[in-house]
């Protein structure tokens, strides 16, 4: 591929997203808030995430790393034991083992409670995930444990809406 054939993802920042989710924390984490924006490209789906109010963990060799996934359920509601139970499990239409679910995303790396991430994936199209949810978990995904990476409790959730 010639250098001038690389996609211009920076141009997406000026375009309205094809889908988006407003993410809010659970009752235990009410300070979490942010957005996830999804853009259709010829190379796949470009995802831009910006979060604030994530839990912080100070000290050497500690970190603010959070599991981040598209879940198959359509609502950020739940019950006393799981405030986002209706978000369901990881989006996994092909029934692949973890970490090959379509909804397995790169972790969010916090910096004093703030996280920003941008990445490209071809595991799903924007059309496929509208009506689903994005979930932030309390722990980093280990990319090994079945069925979902041992990423801890759901601490924030957002419902994905199209244009």
Protein backbone atom coordinates (compact mmCIF):
# COMPACT_ATOMS: atom_id res chain seq x y z
CA UNK A 1 0.00 0.00 0.00
CA UNK A 2 1.39 3.38 -0.98
CA UNK A 3 1.66 5.98 1.79
CA UNK A 4 -0.93 8.21 0.12
CA UNK A 5 -3.42 5.32 0.23
CA UNK A 6 -3.61 5.29 4.04
CA UNK A 7 -6.96 6.39 5.41
CA UNK A 8 -7.38 9.89 6.76
CA UNK A 9 -8.98 9.05 10.10
CA UNK A 10 -8.38 12.60 11.35
CA UNK A 11 -11.12 13.73 8.96
CA UNK A 12 -13.60 11.72 11.03
CA UNK A 13 -13.30 14.20 13.89
CA UNK A 14 -15.24 16.70 11.78
CA UNK A 15 -17.93 14.24 10.74
CA UNK A 16 -21.04 13.33 12.71
CA UNK A 17 -20.66 9.75 14.01
CA UNK A 18 -22.74 7.00 12.44
CA UNK A 19 -23.63 5.78 15.95
CA UNK A 20 -22.85 6.86 19.49
CA UNK A 21 -23.32 5.93 23.12
CA UNK A 22 -23.51 8.21 26.14
CA UNK A 23 -21.87 6.22 28.92
CA UNK A 24 -22.78 6.73 32.58
CA UNK A 25 -21.52 5.05 35.73
CA UNK A 26 -23.50 2.84 38.07
CA UNK A 27 -24.80 4.10 41.41
CA UNK A 28 -21.47 3.07 42.93
CA UNK A 29 -19.57 5.07 40.27
CA UNK A 30 -21.78 8.10 39.53
CA UNK A 31 -18.81 10.26 38.47
CA UNK A 32 -18.13 8.17 35.34
CA UNK A 33 -19.40 9.86 32.18
CA UNK A 34 -18.34 9.94 28.57
CA UNK A 35 -19.06 9.10 24.98
CA UNK A 36 -18.24 6.39 22.50
CA UNK A 37 -18.53 7.35 18.83
CA UNK A 38 -18.65 4.84 15.96
CA UNK A 39 -17.75 5.74 12.37
CA UNK A 40 -18.16 3.63 9.24
CA UNK A 41 -15.03 3.50 7.10
CA UNK A 42 -14.01 1.38 4.15
CA UNK A 43 -11.55 -0.38 6.48
CA UNK A 44 -14.04 -1.22 9.24
CA UNK A 45 -15.51 0.63 12.20
CA UNK A 46 -13.46 3.42 13.75
CA UNK A 47 -14.22 3.84 17.46
CA UNK A 48 -13.42 6.95 19.52
CA UNK A 49 -13.93 6.82 23.28
CA UNK A 50 -13.60 9.60 25.83
CA UNK A 51 -14.34 9.01 29.53
CA UNK A 52 -13.93 10.98 32.73
CA UNK A 53 -14.49 10.08 36.36
CA UNK A 54 -13.01 6.59 36.12
CA UNK A 55 -11.77 5.12 39.42
CA UNK A 56 -8.15 5.98 40.16
CA UNK A 57 -5.55 3.70 41.66
CA UNK A 58 -2.39 5.35 42.90
CA UNK A 59 0.90 3.72 43.70
CA UNK A 60 3.70 1.96 41.92
CA UNK A 61 2.80 -0.90 39.62
CA UNK A 62 -0.89 -0.20 39.90
CA UNK A 63 -3.00 1.02 37.13
CA UNK A 64 -6.22 2.32 35.83
CA UNK A 65 -6.99 -0.33 33.24
CA UNK A 66 -10.59 -1.25 32.51
CA UNK A 67 -12.20 -3.97 30.44
CA UNK A 68 -14.23 -2.47 27.60
CA UNK A 69 -16.74 -4.36 25.48
CA UNK A 70 -19.78 -4.16 23.26
CA UNK A 71 -22.49 -6.23 24.96
CA UNK A 72 -25.41 -7.89 23.20
CA UNK A 73 -28.21 -6.55 25.39
CA UNK A 74 -30.03 -3.36 24.53
CA UNK A 75 -30.50 -1.64 27.88
CA UNK A 76 -28.32 -0.22 30.66
CA UNK A 77 -30.65 -1.33 33.40
CA UNK A 78 -30.50 -4.17 35.84
CA UNK A 79 -31.04 -5.20 39.40
CA UNK A 80 -29.59 -4.87 42.88
CA UNK A 81 -26.78 -7.36 42.19
CA UNK A 82 -25.90 -6.13 38.70
CA UNK A 83 -26.95 -2.57 37.79
CA UNK A 84 -26.40 -3.34 34.10
CA UNK A 85 -27.70 -6.93 33.92
CA UNK A 86 -29.82 -6.08 30.87
CA UNK A 87 -26.68 -5.15 28.92
CA UNK A 88 -26.24 -8.91 28.57
CA UNK A 89 -23.01 -10.67 27.71
CA UNK A 90 -20.30 -9.74 25.22
CA UNK A 91 -21.62 -9.29 21.70
CA UNK A 92 -20.67 -12.60 20.10
CA UNK A 93 -22.84 -13.45 17.06
CA UNK A 94 -20.41 -16.10 15.76
CA UNK A 95 -20.07 -17.81 19.18
CA UNK A 96 -16.29 -17.44 19.19
CA UNK A 97 -14.21 -18.09 22.32
CA UNK A 98 -12.92 -15.12 24.26
CA UNK A 99 -11.07 -12.87 23.22
CA UNK A 100 -12.42 -13.35 19.71
CA UNK A 101 -15.95 -12.13 20.43
CA UNK A 102 -17.02 -9.41 18.03
CA UNK A 103 -17.59 -7.20 21.09
CA UNK A 104 -14.12 -7.63 22.63
CA UNK A 105 -12.46 -4.21 22.50
CA UNK A 106 -9.04 -2.94 23.59
CA UNK A 107 -8.94 -1.99 27.29
CA UNK A 108 -9.30 1.59 28.43
CA UNK A 109 -6.17 3.00 30.04
CA UNK A 110 -7.04 5.67 32.57
CA UNK A 111 -4.88 8.66 33.41
CA UNK A 112 -6.01 10.20 36.69
CA UNK A 113 -9.60 9.17 35.95
CA UNK A 114 -9.60 10.23 32.29
CA UNK A 115 -9.37 7.91 29.28
CA UNK A 116 -9.22 8.53 25.57
CA UNK A 117 -8.97 5.77 22.98
CA UNK A 118 -9.26 5.55 19.22
CA UNK A 119 -9.00 2.34 17.24
CA UNK A 120 -10.14 0.55 14.12
CA UNK A 121 -11.93 -2.81 14.15
CA UNK A 122 -13.48 -5.02 11.51
CA UNK A 123 -15.18 -7.32 14.03
CA UNK A 124 -18.53 -5.55 13.62
CA UNK A 125 -20.23 -2.96 11.48
CA UNK A 126 -21.97 0.09 12.86
CA UNK A 127 -25.31 -1.31 11.68
CA UNK A 128 -24.76 -4.53 13.67
CA UNK A 129 -24.23 -2.79 17.01
CA UNK A 130 -26.93 -0.12 16.96
CA UNK A 131 -29.34 -1.11 19.72
CA UNK A 132 -26.65 -2.87 21.73
CA UNK A 133 -24.60 -1.52 24.67
CA UNK A 134 -21.01 -0.65 25.56
CA UNK A 135 -19.79 -1.58 29.03
CA UNK A 136 -16.80 -0.58 31.12
CA UNK A 137 -15.65 -3.15 33.68
CA UNK A 138 -13.80 -2.64 36.97
CA UNK A 139 -10.76 -4.75 36.04
CA UNK A 140 -8.61 -5.24 32.95
CA UNK A 141 -9.64 -8.02 30.62
CA UNK A 142 -7.11 -10.89 30.86
CA UNK A 143 -7.84 -11.96 27.24
CA UNK A 144 -7.77 -15.60 28.37
CA UNK A 145 -10.49 -16.56 30.88
CA UNK A 146 -13.70 -17.96 29.48
CA UNK A 147 -16.26 -16.83 28.78
CA UNK A 148 -15.52 -13.11 29.24
CA UNK A 149 -11.97 -12.30 30.35
CA UNK A 150 -12.45 -12.03 34.12
CA UNK A 151 -12.81 -8.25 33.81
CA UNK A 152 -14.81 -7.70 36.96
CA UNK A 153 -18.04 -5.85 37.65
CA UNK A 154 -19.83 -3.65 35.15
CA UNK A 155 -19.20 -0.09 36.40
CA UNK A 156 -20.52 1.98 33.47
CA UNK A 157 -22.78 1.44 30.50
CA UNK A 158 -24.11 3.22 27.43
CA UNK A 159 -26.80 2.30 24.91
CA UNK A 160 -25.72 2.56 21.26
CA UNK A 161 -27.90 4.76 19.04
CA UNK A 162 -27.66 5.35 15.30
CA UNK A 163 -27.81 8.74 13.60
